[in-house]
C-alpha atoms as a PDB file:
ATOM      1  CA  MET A   1      21.853  33.745   2.974  1.00  0.00           C
ATOM      2  CA  ALA A   2      23.669  35.688   0.287  1.00  0.00           C
ATOM      3  CA  ARG A   3      21.970  35.709  -3.067  1.00  0.00           C
ATOM      4  CA  LYS A   4      23.854  34.862  -6.216  1.00  0.00           C
ATOM      5  CA  LYS A   5      24.284  37.481  -8.864  1.00  0.00           C
ATOM      6  CA  ILE A   6      21.408  37.199 -11.301  1.00  0.00           C
ATOM      7  CA  GLU A   7      23.777  36.775 -14.250  1.00  0.00           C
ATOM      8  CA  ASN A   8      25.277  33.675 -12.585  1.00  0.00           C
ATOM      9  CA  LEU A   9      21.954  31.894 -12.068  1.00  0.00           C
ATOM     10  CA  SER A  10      20.787  29.194 -14.427  1.00  0.00           C
ATOM     11  CA  PHE A  11      17.552  29.778 -16.304  1.00  0.00           C
ATOM     12  CA  GLU A  12      15.762  27.301 -14.038  1.00  0.00           C
ATOM     13  CA  ASP A  13      17.154  28.864 -10.858  1.00  0.00           C
ATOM     14  CA  SER A  14      16.049  32.287 -12.083  1.00  0.00           C
ATOM     15  CA  LEU A  15      12.504  31.054 -12.673  1.00  0.00           C
ATOM     16  CA  ASN A  16      12.393  29.351  -9.281  1.00  0.00           C
ATOM     17  CA  GLU A  17      13.538  32.503  -7.505  1.00  0.00           C
ATOM     18  CA  LEU A  18      11.089  34.598  -9.497  1.00  0.00           C
ATOM     19  CA  GLU A  19       8.279  32.277  -8.407  1.00  0.00           C
ATOM     20  CA  ASP A  20       9.370  32.629  -4.765  1.00  0.00           C
ATOM     21  CA  ILE A  21       9.389  36.420  -5.122  1.00  0.00           C
ATOM     22  CA  VAL A  22       5.882  36.465  -6.580  1.00  0.00           C
ATOM     23  CA  GLN A  23       4.606  34.288  -3.737  1.00  0.00           C
ATOM     24  CA  SER A  24       6.241  36.562  -1.138  1.00  0.00           C
ATOM     25  CA  LEU A  25       4.771  39.673  -2.716  1.00  0.00           C
ATOM     26  CA  GLU A  26       1.319  38.123  -3.007  1.00  0.00           C
ATOM     27  CA  LYS A  27       1.239  37.387   0.723  1.00  0.00           C
ATOM     28  CA  GLY A  28       1.429  41.118   1.387  1.00  0.00           C
ATOM     29  CA  GLU A  29       3.310  40.680   4.659  1.00  0.00           C
ATOM     30  CA  LEU A  30       6.442  42.608   3.656  1.00  0.00           C
ATOM     31  CA  SER A  31       7.249  46.220   4.324  1.00  0.00           C
ATOM     32  CA  LEU A  32       7.050  48.610   1.393  1.00  0.00           C
ATOM     33  CA  GLU A  33      10.839  48.816   1.251  1.00  0.00           C
ATOM     34  CA  ASP A  34      11.254  45.020   1.227  1.00  0.00           C
ATOM     35  CA  SER A  35       8.494  44.684  -1.369  1.00  0.00           C
ATOM     36  CA  MET A  36      10.197  47.217  -3.641  1.00  0.00           C
ATOM     37  CA  THR A  37      13.554  45.474  -3.260  1.00  0.00           C
ATOM     38  CA  LEU A  38      11.999  42.123  -4.176  1.00  0.00           C
ATOM     39  CA  PHE A  39      10.053  43.682  -7.035  1.00  0.00           C
ATOM     40  CA  GLU A  40      13.244  45.172  -8.485  1.00  0.00           C
ATOM     41  CA  ARG A  41      15.046  41.833  -8.237  1.00  0.00           C
ATOM     42  CA  GLY A  42      12.061  40.138  -9.852  1.00  0.00           C
ATOM     43  CA  LEU A  43      12.178  42.536 -12.790  1.00  0.00           C
ATOM     44  CA  SER A  44      15.892  41.881 -13.236  1.00  0.00           C
ATOM     45  CA  LEU A  45      15.349  38.120 -13.031  1.00  0.00           C
ATOM     46  CA  SER A  46      12.612  38.360 -15.630  1.00  0.00           C
ATOM     47  CA  GLN A  47      14.755  40.394 -18.022  1.00  0.00           C
ATOM     48  CA  VAL A  48      17.768  38.086 -17.693  1.00  0.00           C
ATOM     49  CA  SER A  49      15.560  35.005 -18.123  1.00  0.00           C
ATOM     50  CA  GLN A  50      13.991  36.438 -21.281  1.00  0.00           C
ATOM     51  CA  THR A  51      17.449  37.160 -22.678  1.00  0.00           C
ATOM     52  CA  LYS A  52      18.659  33.636 -21.920  1.00  0.00           C
ATOM     53  CA  LEU A  53      15.540  32.175 -23.540  1.00  0.00           C
ATOM     54  CA  LYS A  54      16.011  34.272 -26.681  1.00  0.00           C
ATOM     55  CA  GLU A  55      19.671  33.226 -26.874  1.00  0.00           C
ATOM     56  CA  ALA A  56      18.665  29.568 -26.611  1.00  0.00           C
ATOM     57  CA  GLU A  57      16.052  30.009 -29.350  1.00  0.00           C
ATOM     58  CA  GLN A  58      18.643  31.661 -31.592  1.00  0.00           C
ATOM     59  CA  LYS A  59      21.108  28.835 -30.956  1.00  0.00           C
ATOM     60  CA  VAL A  60      18.468  26.240 -31.868  1.00  0.00           C
ATOM     61  CA  GLN A  61      17.638  28.188 -35.032  1.00  0.00           C
ATOM     62  CA  ILE A  62      21.320  28.334 -36.027  1.00  0.00           C
ATOM     63  CA  LEU A  63      21.712  24.597 -35.426  1.00  0.00           C
ATOM     64  CA  MET A  64      18.605  23.847 -37.458  1.00  0.00           C
ATOM     65  CA  ASP A  65      19.754  26.114 -40.297  1.00  0.00           C
ATOM     66  CA  ASN A  66      23.167  24.430 -40.346  1.00  0.00           C
ATOM     67  CA  LYS A  67      21.568  20.981 -40.562  1.00  0.00           C
ATOM     68  CA  GLY A  68      19.195  21.994 -43.362  1.00  0.00           C
ATOM     69  CA  VAL A  69      16.137  21.572 -41.174  1.00  0.00           C
ATOM     70  CA  SER A  70      13.095  23.715 -41.837  1.00  0.00           C
ATOM     71  CA  LYS A  71      12.659  26.934 -39.902  1.00  0.00           C
ATOM     72  CA  LEU A  72      10.971  27.089 -36.518  1.00  0.00           C
ATOM     73  CA  GLU A  73       7.325  28.033 -36.493  1.00  0.00           C
ATOM     74  CA  ASP A  74       5.401  29.819 -33.783  1.00  0.00           C
ATOM     75  CA  PHE A  75       3.569  27.454 -31.484  1.00  0.00           C
ATOM     76  CA  ASN A  76      -0.139  28.166 -31.349  1.00  0.00           C
ATOM     77  CA  TYR A  77      -1.841  26.482 -28.429  1.00  0.00           C
ATOM     78  CA  ASP A  78      -5.542  25.960 -29.011  1.00  0.00           C
ATOM     79  CA  GLU A  79      -7.351  25.177 -25.747  1.00  0.00           C
ATOM     80  CA  SER A  80     -10.486  24.129 -27.632  1.00  0.00           C
ATOM     81  CA  SER A  81      -8.651  21.132 -29.116  1.00  0.00           C
ATOM     82  CA  GLN A  82      -8.020  19.668 -25.660  1.00  0.00           C
END
Protein backbone atom coordinates (compact mmCIF):
# COMPACT_ATOMS: atom_id res chain seq x y z
CA MET A 1 0.00 0.00 0.00
CA ALA A 2 1.39 3.36 -1.02
CA ARG A 3 1.57 5.90 1.75
CA LYS A 4 0.20 9.38 1.31
CA LYS A 5 2.53 12.31 1.44
CA ILE A 6 2.70 13.55 5.01
CA GLU A 7 1.65 17.06 3.98
CA ASN A 8 -1.59 15.65 2.52
CA LEU A 9 -2.64 13.80 5.68
CA SER A 10 -5.18 15.26 8.06
CA PHE A 11 -4.06 15.96 11.60
CA GLU A 12 -6.00 12.93 12.84
CA ASP A 13 -4.58 10.65 10.15
CA SER A 14 -1.07 11.82 11.03
CA LEU A 15 -1.60 10.99 14.70
CA ASN A 16 -3.06 7.59 13.86
CA GLU A 17 -0.11 6.72 11.63
CA LEU A 18 2.32 7.98 14.25
CA GLU A 19 0.67 5.71 16.82
CA ASP A 20 0.99 2.74 14.44
CA ILE A 21 4.68 3.55 13.91
CA VAL A 22 5.35 3.70 17.65
CA GLN A 23 3.63 0.34 18.15
CA SER A 24 5.66 -1.23 15.33
CA LEU A 25 8.92 0.11 16.73
CA GLU A 26 8.08 -1.00 20.26
CA LYS A 27 7.57 -4.59 19.10
CA GLY A 28 11.22 -4.69 18.06
CA GLU A 29 10.59 -7.13 15.22
CA LEU A 30 11.80 -4.88 12.39
CA SER A 31 15.20 -4.78 10.80
CA LEU A 32 17.42 -1.83 11.65
CA GLU A 33 16.86 -0.37 8.19
CA ASP A 34 13.06 -0.66 8.46
CA SER A 35 13.14 0.76 11.98
CA MET A 36 15.16 3.77 10.82
CA THR A 37 12.80 4.36 7.90
CA LEU A 38 9.79 4.27 10.22
CA PHE A 39 11.55 6.44 12.78
CA GLU A 40 12.29 9.08 10.13
CA ARG A 41 8.67 9.06 8.95
CA GLY A 42 7.53 9.33 12.56
CA LEU A 43 9.69 12.39 13.11
CA SER A 44 8.28 14.01 9.98
CA LEU A 45 4.72 13.17 11.04
CA SER A 46 5.36 14.67 14.45
CA GLN A 47 6.80 17.89 13.01
CA VAL A 48 3.95 18.34 10.51
CA SER A 49 1.36 17.60 13.21
CA GLN A 50 2.90 20.17 15.56
CA THR A 51 2.84 22.76 12.77
CA LYS A 52 -0.81 22.04 11.98
CA LEU A 53 -1.70 22.29 15.67
CA LYS A 54 0.09 25.63 16.03
CA GLU A 55 -1.68 26.95 12.92
CA ALA A 56 -5.04 25.91 14.36
CA GLU A 57 -4.23 27.61 17.67
CA GLN A 58 -3.26 30.79 15.84
CA LYS A 59 -6.48 30.71 13.82
CA VAL A 60 -8.54 30.32 17.01
CA GLN A 61 -6.64 33.22 18.59
CA ILE A 62 -7.29 35.44 15.55
CA LEU A 63 -10.99 34.56 15.60
CA MET A 64 -11.21 35.28 19.31
CA ASP A 65 -9.38 38.60 18.91
CA ASN A 66 -11.71 39.62 16.08
CA LYS A 67 -14.77 38.84 18.20
CA GLY A 68 -13.46 40.75 21.22
CA VAL A 69 -13.14 37.61 23.30
CA SER A 70 -10.47 37.43 25.97
CA LYS A 71 -7.13 35.87 25.13
CA LEU A 72 -6.46 32.16 25.42
CA GLU A 73 -4.80 30.99 28.60
CA ASP A 74 -2.52 28.02 29.08
CA PHE A 75 -4.35 24.96 30.32
CA ASN A 76 -2.90 23.64 33.55
CA TYR A 77 -4.05 20.13 34.33
CA ASP A 78 -3.85 19.33 38.02
CA GLU A 79 -4.07 15.57 38.63
CA SER A 80 -4.57 16.11 42.36
CA SER A 81 -7.95 17.76 41.72
CA GLN A 82 -9.32 14.58 40.13
